Amino acid sequence: QKAAVEREGERKLLQYGDIYSLSFAPSGDTLVTASHDSSYALRSVATGQILGEPRRGHAGPVNTCQFHPEGAAILTGSDDTLVKVW
């Protein structure tokens, strides 16, 4: 999926459901987005494009996501009452 440039320095992030949360990697070049469609996705900060495929593993909308401070893992929280470490 491609990100559409709305205004200079601004990008529209497209995913299969509403995006509920996002977090930047410590390196600053990647971000993770959490979505209503029970997935999370890694994205390029430069383009907004999804890197690979959205990842699934929750039984409900993913409400929050966060990179580990060292970038070694991603944590997600969902309506399914689970917090997962990826």
PDB file of N, CA and C in Angstrom:
ATOM      1  N   GLN A   1       0.832  -1.176   0.000  1.00  0.00           N
ATOM      2  CA  GLN A   1       0.000   0.000   0.000  1.00  0.00           C
ATOM      3  C   GLN A   1       0.873   1.233   0.000  1.00  0.00           C
ATOM      4  N   LYS A   2       0.416   2.257  -0.679  1.00  0.00           N
ATOM      5  CA  LYS A   2       1.188   3.482  -0.750  1.00  0.00           C
ATOM      6  C   LYS A   2       0.570   4.544   0.145  1.00  0.00           C
ATOM      7  N   ALA A   3       1.412   5.336   0.724  1.00  0.00           N
ATOM      8  CA  ALA A   3       0.952   6.477   1.514  1.00  0.00           C
ATOM      9  C   ALA A   3       0.741   7.652   0.569  1.00  0.00           C
ATOM     10  N   ALA A   4      -0.370   8.327   0.699  1.00  0.00           N
ATOM     11  CA  ALA A   4      -0.645   9.494  -0.136  1.00  0.00           C
ATOM     12  C   ALA A   4      -0.159  10.744   0.589  1.00  0.00           C
ATOM     13  N   VAL A   5       0.589  11.564  -0.125  1.00  0.00           N
ATOM     14  CA  VAL A   5       1.087  12.796   0.482  1.00  0.00           C
ATOM     15  C   VAL A   5      -0.046  13.815   0.493  1.00  0.00           C
ATOM     16  N   GLU A   6      -0.417  14.277   1.678  1.00  0.00           N
ATOM     17  CA  GLU A   6      -1.488  15.262   1.834  1.00  0.00           C
ATOM     18  C   GLU A   6      -0.934  16.671   1.725  1.00  0.00           C
ATOM     19  N   ARG A   7       0.089  16.964   2.495  1.00  0.00           N
ATOM     20  CA  ARG A   7       0.790  18.241   2.484  1.00  0.00           C
ATOM     21  C   ARG A   7       2.264  17.945   2.696  1.00  0.00           C
ATOM     22  N   GLU A   8       3.097  18.888   2.407  1.00  0.00           N
ATOM     23  CA  GLU A   8       4.526  18.659   2.568  1.00  0.00           C
ATOM     24  C   GLU A   8       4.827  18.192   3.986  1.00  0.00           C
ATOM     25  N   GLY A   9       5.539  17.070   4.106  1.00  0.00           N
ATOM     26  CA  GLY A   9       5.901  16.533   5.413  1.00  0.00           C
ATOM     27  C   GLY A   9       4.788  15.757   6.093  1.00  0.00           C
ATOM     28  N   GLU A  10       3.656  15.586   5.451  1.00  0.00           N
ATOM     29  CA  GLU A  10       2.517  14.881   6.051  1.00  0.00           C
ATOM     30  C   GLU A  10       2.143  13.709   5.157  1.00  0.00           C
ATOM     31  N   ARG A  11       1.866  12.560   5.745  1.00  0.00           N
ATOM     32  CA  ARG A  11       1.493  11.372   4.966  1.00  0.00           C
ATOM     33  C   ARG A  11       0.223  10.764   5.533  1.00  0.00           C
ATOM     34  N   LYS A  12      -0.574  10.213   4.647  1.00  0.00           N
ATOM     35  CA  LYS A  12      -1.775   9.490   5.054  1.00  0.00           C
ATOM     36  C   LYS A  12      -1.413   8.013   5.113  1.00  0.00           C
ATOM     37  N   LEU A  13      -1.587   7.395   6.279  1.00  0.00           N
ATOM     38  CA  LEU A  13      -1.253   5.981   6.444  1.00  0.00           C
ATOM     39  C   LEU A  13      -2.483   5.140   6.157  1.00  0.00           C
ATOM     40  N   LEU A  14      -2.355   4.220   5.224  1.00  0.00           N
ATOM     41  CA  LEU A  14      -3.458   3.352   4.848  1.00  0.00           C
ATOM     42  C   LEU A  14      -3.257   1.974   5.452  1.00  0.00           C
ATOM     43  N   GLN A  15      -4.316   1.428   6.018  1.00  0.00           N
ATOM     44  CA  GLN A  15      -4.293   0.075   6.553  1.00  0.00           C
ATOM     45  C   GLN A  15      -5.689  -0.488   6.343  1.00  0.00           C
ATOM     46  N   TYR A  16      -5.924  -1.712   6.670  1.00  0.00           N
ATOM     47  CA  TYR A  16      -7.202  -2.343   6.398  1.00  0.00           C
ATOM     48  C   TYR A  16      -8.287  -1.954   7.398  1.00  0.00           C
ATOM     49  N   GLY A  17      -7.922  -1.339   8.474  1.00  0.00           N
ATOM     50  CA  GLY A  17      -8.870  -0.854   9.468  1.00  0.00           C
ATOM     51  C   GLY A  17      -8.348   0.446  10.037  1.00  0.00           C
ATOM     52  N   ASP A  18      -9.142   1.083  10.871  1.00  0.00           N
ATOM     53  CA  ASP A  18      -8.695   2.323  11.503  1.00  0.00           C
ATOM     54  C   ASP A  18      -7.416   2.081  12.292  1.00  0.00           C
ATOM     55  N   ILE A  19      -6.513   3.044  12.259  1.00  0.00           N
ATOM     56  CA  ILE A  19      -5.284   2.964  13.038  1.00  0.00           C
ATOM     57  C   ILE A  19      -5.541   3.584  14.397  1.00  0.00           C
ATOM     58  N   TYR A  20      -5.311   2.797  15.461  1.00  0.00           N
ATOM     59  CA  TYR A  20      -5.583   3.236  16.828  1.00  0.00           C
ATOM     60  C   TYR A  20      -4.358   3.768  17.554  1.00  0.00           C
ATOM     61  N   SER A  21      -3.171   3.341  17.144  1.00  0.00           N
ATOM     62  CA  SER A  21      -1.960   3.716  17.868  1.00  0.00           C
ATOM     63  C   SER A  21      -0.770   3.600  16.936  1.00  0.00           C
ATOM     64  N   LEU A  22       0.295   4.352  17.226  1.00  0.00           N
ATOM     65  CA  LEU A  22       1.547   4.174  16.505  1.00  0.00           C
ATOM     66  C   LEU A  22       2.707   4.494  17.425  1.00  0.00           C
ATOM     67  N   SER A  23       3.862   3.933  17.086  1.00  0.00           N
ATOM     68  CA  SER A  23       5.070   4.114  17.887  1.00  0.00           C
ATOM     69  C   SER A  23       6.274   4.085  16.967  1.00  0.00           C
ATOM     70  N   PHE A  24       7.222   4.996  17.207  1.00  0.00           N
ATOM     71  CA  PHE A  24       8.453   5.035  16.426  1.00  0.00           C
ATOM     72  C   PHE A  24       9.496   4.107  17.036  1.00  0.00           C
ATOM     73  N   ALA A  25      10.250   3.436  16.159  1.00  0.00           N
ATOM     74  CA  ALA A  25      11.375   2.610  16.594  1.00  0.00           C
ATOM     75  C   ALA A  25      12.463   3.529  17.143  1.00  0.00           C
ATOM     76  N   PRO A  26      13.292   3.024  18.047  1.00  0.00           N
ATOM     77  CA  PRO A  26      14.392   3.841  18.572  1.00  0.00           C
ATOM     78  C   PRO A  26      15.291   4.404  17.474  1.00  0.00           C
ATOM     79  N   SER A  27      15.437   3.696  16.379  1.00  0.00           N
ATOM     80  CA  SER A  27      16.277   4.160  15.268  1.00  0.00           C
ATOM     81  C   SER A  27      15.654   5.334  14.520  1.00  0.00           C
ATOM     82  N   GLY A  28      14.324   5.477  14.637  1.00  0.00           N
ATOM     83  CA  GLY A  28      13.624   6.571  13.989  1.00  0.00           C
ATOM     84  C   GLY A  28      13.248   6.328  12.545  1.00  0.00           C
ATOM     85  N   ASP A  29      13.629   5.181  11.967  1.00  0.00           N
ATOM     86  CA  ASP A  29      13.332   4.947  10.556  1.00  0.00           C
ATOM     87  C   ASP A  29      12.119   4.047  10.315  1.00  0.00           C
ATOM     88  N   THR A  30      11.595   3.453  11.374  1.00  0.00           N
ATOM     89  CA  THR A  30      10.460   2.549  11.273  1.00  0.00           C
ATOM     90  C   THR A  30       9.435   2.929  12.326  1.00  0.00           C
ATOM     91  N   LEU A  31       8.162   2.703  11.999  1.00  0.00           N
ATOM     92  CA  LEU A  31       7.133   2.837  13.028  1.00  0.00           C
ATOM     93  C   LEU A  31       6.218   1.638  12.963  1.00  0.00           C
ATOM     94  N   VAL A  32       5.510   1.407  14.048  1.00  0.00           N
ATOM     95  CA  VAL A  32       4.544   0.321  14.116  1.00  0.00           C
ATOM     96  C   VAL A  32       3.178   0.956  14.327  1.00  0.00           C
ATOM     97  N   THR A  33       2.167   0.431  13.624  1.00  0.00           N
ATOM     98  CA  THR A  33       0.801   0.916  13.780  1.00  0.00           C
ATOM     99  C   THR A  33      -0.095  -0.228  14.250  1.00  0.00           C
ATOM    100  N   ALA A  34      -1.042   0.096  15.127  1.00  0.00           N
ATOM    101  CA  ALA A  34      -2.018  -0.862  15.639  1.00  0.00           C
ATOM    102  C   ALA A  34      -3.369  -0.547  15.004  1.00  0.00           C
ATOM    103  N   SER A  35      -4.100  -1.581  14.618  1.00  0.00           N
ATOM    104  CA  SER A  35      -5.301  -1.370  13.821  1.00  0.00           C
ATOM    105  C   SER A  35      -6.542  -2.076  14.360  1.00  0.00           C
ATOM    106  N   HIS A  36      -7.681  -1.542  13.958  1.00  0.00           N
ATOM    107  CA  HIS A  36      -8.992  -2.099  14.290  1.00  0.00           C
ATOM    108  C   HIS A  36      -9.173  -3.507  13.725  1.00  0.00           C
ATOM    109  N   ASP A  37      -8.462  -3.835  12.649  1.00  0.00           N
ATOM    110  CA  ASP A  37      -8.656  -5.133  11.997  1.00  0.00           C
ATOM    111  C   ASP A  37      -7.843  -6.260  12.643  1.00  0.00           C
ATOM    112  N   SER A  38      -7.447  -6.075  13.910  1.00  0.00           N
ATOM    113  CA  SER A  38      -6.732  -7.090  14.682  1.00  0.00           C
ATOM    114  C   SER A  38      -5.296  -7.314  14.218  1.00  0.00           C
ATOM    115  N   SER A  39      -4.713  -6.311  13.564  1.00  0.00           N
ATOM    116  CA  SER A  39      -3.345  -6.454  13.080  1.00  0.00           C
ATOM    117  C   SER A  39      -2.480  -5.304  13.573  1.00  0.00           C
ATOM    118  N   TYR A  40      -1.159  -5.519  13.420  1.00  0.00           N
ATOM    119  CA  TYR A  40      -0.220  -4.416  13.562  1.00  0.00           C
ATOM    120  C   TYR A  40       0.692  -4.480  12.350  1.00  0.00           C
ATOM    121  N   ALA A  41       1.272  -3.352  11.996  1.00  0.00           N
ATOM    122  CA  ALA A  41       2.113  -3.304  10.804  1.00  0.00           C
ATOM    123  C   ALA A  41       3.352  -2.467  11.066  1.00  0.00           C
ATOM    124  N   LEU A  42       4.456  -2.890  10.475  1.00  0.00           N
ATOM    125  CA  LEU A  42       5.683  -2.101  10.478  1.00  0.00           C
ATOM    126  C   LEU A  42       5.680  -1.246   9.224  1.00  0.00           C
ATOM    127  N   ARG A  43       6.134  -0.001   9.354  1.00  0.00           N
ATOM    128  CA  ARG A  43       6.098   0.933   8.236  1.00  0.00           C
ATOM    129  C   ARG A  43       7.409   1.698   8.120  1.00  0.00           C
ATOM    130  N   SER A  44       7.694   2.108   6.915  1.00  0.00           N
ATOM    131  CA  SER A  44       8.810   3.008   6.665  1.00  0.00           C
ATOM    132  C   SER A  44       8.379   4.416   7.044  1.00  0.00           C
ATOM    133  N   VAL A  45       9.164   5.103   7.856  1.00  0.00           N
ATOM    134  CA  VAL A  45       8.852   6.486   8.203  1.00  0.00           C
ATOM    135  C   VAL A  45       8.965   7.365   6.958  1.00  0.00           C
ATOM    136  N   ALA A  46       9.931   7.084   6.095  1.00  0.00           N
ATOM    137  CA  ALA A  46      10.166   7.903   4.907  1.00  0.00           C
ATOM    138  C   ALA A  46       9.004   7.877   3.921  1.00  0.00           C
ATOM    139  N   THR A  47       8.378   6.691   3.754  1.00  0.00           N
ATOM    140  CA  THR A  47       7.331   6.553   2.733  1.00  0.00           C
ATOM    141  C   THR A  47       5.949   6.281   3.301  1.00  0.00           C
ATOM    142  N   GLY A  48       5.865   5.778   4.528  1.00  0.00           N
ATOM    143  CA  GLY A  48       4.582   5.376   5.104  1.00  0.00           C
ATOM    144  C   GLY A  48       4.135   4.003   4.654  1.00  0.00           C
ATOM    145  N   GLN A  49       4.873   3.380   3.753  1.00  0.00           N
ATOM    146  CA  GLN A  49       4.480   2.073   3.236  1.00  0.00           C
ATOM    147  C   GLN A  49       4.686   0.976   4.270  1.00  0.00           C
ATOM    148  N   ILE A  50       3.790  -0.010   4.236  1.00  0.00           N
ATOM    149  CA  ILE A  50       3.898  -1.174   5.101  1.00  0.00           C
ATOM    150  C   ILE A  50       5.082  -2.016   4.634  1.00  0.00           C
ATOM    151  N   LEU A  51       5.906  -2.438   5.593  1.00  0.00           N
ATOM    152  CA  LEU A  51       7.053  -3.292   5.313  1.00  0.00           C
ATOM    153  C   LEU A  51       6.608  -4.734   5.484  1.00  0.00           C
ATOM    154  N   GLY A  52       6.520  -5.467   4.402  1.00  0.00           N
ATOM    155  CA  GLY A  52       6.000  -6.830   4.462  1.00  0.00           C
ATOM    156  C   GLY A  52       4.486  -6.803   4.554  1.00  0.00           C
ATOM    157  N   GLU A  53       3.928  -7.748   5.268  1.00  0.00           N
ATOM    158  CA  GLU A  53       2.482  -7.855   5.446  1.00  0.00           C
ATOM    159  C   GLU A  53       2.113  -7.459   6.873  1.00  0.00           C
ATOM    160  N   PRO A  54       0.892  -6.939   7.083  1.00  0.00           N
ATOM    161  CA  PRO A  54       0.442  -6.709   8.462  1.00  0.00           C
ATOM    162  C   PRO A  54       0.479  -8.024   9.242  1.00  0.00           C
ATOM    163  N   ARG A  55       0.846  -7.951  10.507  1.00  0.00           N
ATOM    164  CA  ARG A  55       0.940  -9.139  11.351  1.00  0.00           C
ATOM    165  C   ARG A  55      -0.341  -9.304  12.153  1.00  0.00           C
ATOM    166  N   ARG A  56      -0.806 -10.539  12.239  1.00  0.00           N
ATOM    167  CA  ARG A  56      -2.035 -10.838  12.982  1.00  0.00           C
ATOM    168  C   ARG A  56      -1.725 -11.843  14.083  1.00  0.00           C
ATOM    169  N   GLY A  57      -2.529 -11.821  15.122  1.00  0.00           N
ATOM    170  CA  GLY A  57      -2.323 -12.751  16.218  1.00  0.00           C
ATOM    171  C   GLY A  57      -3.243 -12.457  17.384  1.00  0.00           C
ATOM    172  N   HIS A  58      -3.992 -11.372  17.287  1.00  0.00           N
ATOM    173  CA  HIS A  58      -4.977 -11.029  18.308  1.00  0.00           C
ATOM    174  C   HIS A  58      -6.370 -11.405  17.813  1.00  0.00           C
ATOM    175  N   ALA A  59      -7.287 -11.621  18.735  1.00  0.00           N
ATOM    176  CA  ALA A  59      -8.662 -11.970  18.398  1.00  0.00           C
ATOM    177  C   ALA A  59      -9.583 -10.756  18.409  1.00  0.00           C
ATOM    178  N   GLY A  60      -9.024  -9.574  18.607  1.00  0.00           N
ATOM    179  CA  GLY A  60      -9.816  -8.349  18.618  1.00  0.00           C
ATOM    180  C   GLY A  60      -8.972  -7.192  18.134  1.00  0.00           C
ATOM    181  N   PRO A  61      -9.581  -6.014  18.016  1.00  0.00           N
ATOM    182  CA  PRO A  61      -8.828  -4.842  17.574  1.00  0.00           C
ATOM    183  C   PRO A  61      -7.578  -4.610  18.425  1.00  0.00           C
ATOM    184  N   VAL A  62      -6.497  -4.225  17.775  1.00  0.00           N
ATOM    185  CA  VAL A  62      -5.252  -3.903  18.474  1.00  0.00           C
ATOM    186  C   VAL A  62      -5.315  -2.419  18.823  1.00  0.00           C
ATOM    187  N   ASN A  63      -5.372  -2.111  20.108  1.00  0.00           N
ATOM    188  CA  ASN A  63      -5.586  -0.747  20.574  1.00  0.00           C
ATOM    189  C   ASN A  63      -4.306   0.027  20.818  1.00  0.00           C
ATOM    190  N   THR A  64      -3.222  -0.682  21.087  1.00  0.00           N
ATOM    191  CA  THR A  64      -1.977  -0.004  21.418  1.00  0.00           C
ATOM    192  C   THR A  64      -0.786  -0.823  20.948  1.00  0.00           C
ATOM    193  N   CYS A  65       0.315  -0.124  20.665  1.00  0.00           N
ATOM    194  CA  CYS A  65       1.545  -0.778  20.243  1.00  0.00           C
ATOM    195  C   CYS A  65       2.717   0.080  20.700  1.00  0.00           C
ATOM    196  N   GLN A  66       3.835  -0.586  20.969  1.00  0.00           N
ATOM    197  CA  GLN A  66       5.013   0.136  21.454  1.00  0.00           C
ATOM    198  C   GLN A  66       6.254  -0.674  21.139  1.00  0.00           C
ATOM    199  N   PHE A  67       7.288  -0.004  20.644  1.00  0.00           N
ATOM    200  CA  PHE A  67       8.586  -0.655  20.485  1.00  0.00           C
ATOM    201  C   PHE A  67       9.260  -0.766  21.843  1.00  0.00           C
ATOM    202  N   HIS A  68       9.992  -1.852  22.056  1.00  0.00           N
ATOM    203  CA  HIS A  68      10.875  -1.977  23.200  1.00  0.00           C
ATOM    204  C   HIS A  68      11.901  -0.848  23.077  1.00  0.00           C
ATOM    205  N   PRO A  69      12.362  -0.263  24.189  1.00  0.00           N
ATOM    206  CA  PRO A  69      13.308   0.858  24.113  1.00  0.00           C
ATOM    207  C   PRO A  69      14.567   0.586  23.295  1.00  0.00           C
ATOM    208  N   GLU A  70      14.979  -0.666  23.210  1.00  0.00           N
ATOM    209  CA  GLU A  70      16.161  -1.007  22.414  1.00  0.00           C
ATOM    210  C   GLU A  70      15.789  -1.529  21.024  1.00  0.00           C
ATOM    211  N   GLY A  71      14.487  -1.549  20.711  1.00  0.00           N
ATOM    212  CA  GLY A  71      14.033  -2.008  19.407  1.00  0.00           C
ATOM    213  C   GLY A  71      14.020  -3.509  19.243  1.00  0.00           C
ATOM    214  N   ALA A  72      14.243  -4.250  20.328  1.00  0.00           N
ATOM    215  CA  ALA A  72      14.368  -5.705  20.255  1.00  0.00           C
ATOM    216  C   ALA A  72      13.024  -6.426  20.137  1.00  0.00           C
ATOM    217  N   ALA A  73      11.930  -5.757  20.443  1.00  0.00           N
ATOM    218  CA  ALA A  73      10.613  -6.389  20.417  1.00  0.00           C
ATOM    219  C   ALA A  73       9.551  -5.309  20.235  1.00  0.00           C
ATOM    220  N   ILE A  74       8.336  -5.770  19.939  1.00  0.00           N
ATOM    221  CA  ILE A  74       7.165  -4.897  19.854  1.00  0.00           C
ATOM    222  C   ILE A  74       6.122  -5.468  20.802  1.00  0.00           C
ATOM    223  N   LEU A  75       5.465  -4.601  21.545  1.00  0.00           N
ATOM    224  CA  LEU A  75       4.375  -5.005  22.424  1.00  0.00           C
ATOM    225  C   LEU A  75       3.071  -4.482  21.849  1.00  0.00           C
ATOM    226  N   THR A  76       2.028  -5.319  21.874  1.00  0.00           N
ATOM    227  CA  THR A  76       0.707  -4.899  21.417  1.00  0.00           C
ATOM    228  C   THR A  76      -0.330  -5.265  22.475  1.00  0.00           C
ATOM    229  N   GLY A  77      -1.373  -4.463  22.562  1.00  0.00           N
ATOM    230  CA  GLY A  77      -2.491  -4.728  23.463  1.00  0.00           C
ATOM    231  C   GLY A  77      -3.782  -4.664  22.679  1.00  0.00           C
ATOM    232  N   SER A  78      -4.727  -5.547  23.026  1.00  0.00           N
ATOM    233  CA  SER A  78      -5.920  -5.723  22.217  1.00  0.00           C
ATOM    234  C   SER A  78      -7.188  -5.827  23.066  1.00  0.00           C
ATOM    235  N   ASP A  79      -8.338  -5.665  22.398  1.00  0.00           N
ATOM    236  CA  ASP A  79      -9.636  -5.898  23.026  1.00  0.00           C
ATOM    237  C   ASP A  79      -9.780  -7.348  23.498  1.00  0.00           C
ATOM    238  N   ASP A  80      -8.931  -8.250  23.001  1.00  0.00           N
ATOM    239  CA  ASP A  80      -9.003  -9.641  23.450  1.00  0.00           C
ATOM    240  C   ASP A  80      -8.396  -9.825  24.840  1.00  0.00           C
ATOM    241  N   THR A  81      -8.038  -8.718  25.484  1.00  0.00           N
ATOM    242  CA  THR A  81      -7.494  -8.623  26.858  1.00  0.00           C
ATOM    243  C   THR A  81      -6.051  -9.126  26.967  1.00  0.00           C
ATOM    244  N   LEU A  82      -5.380  -9.348  25.848  1.00  0.00           N
ATOM    245  CA  LEU A  82      -4.007  -9.838  25.882  1.00  0.00           C
ATOM    246  C   LEU A  82      -3.020  -8.735  25.525  1.00  0.00           C
ATOM    247  N   VAL A  83      -1.860  -8.800  26.141  1.00  0.00           N
ATOM    248  CA  VAL A  83      -0.696  -8.021  25.746  1.00  0.00           C
ATOM    249  C   VAL A  83       0.291  -9.025  25.192  1.00  0.00           C
ATOM    250  N   LYS A  84       0.752  -8.803  23.976  1.00  0.00           N
ATOM    251  CA  LYS A  84       1.670  -9.747  23.335  1.00  0.00           C
ATOM    252  C   LYS A  84       3.007  -9.086  23.070  1.00  0.00           C
ATOM    253  N   VAL A  85       4.073  -9.897  23.189  1.00  0.00           N
ATOM    254  CA  VAL A  85       5.414  -9.468  22.863  1.00  0.00           C
ATOM    255  C   VAL A  85       5.816 -10.193  21.592  1.00  0.00           C
ATOM    256  N   TRP A  86       6.209  -9.453  20.572  1.00  0.00           N
ATOM    257  CA  TRP A  86       6.547 -10.015  19.277  1.00  0.00           C
ATOM    258  C   TRP A  86       8.035  -9.907  19.025  1.00  0.00           C
TER     259      TRP A  86
END
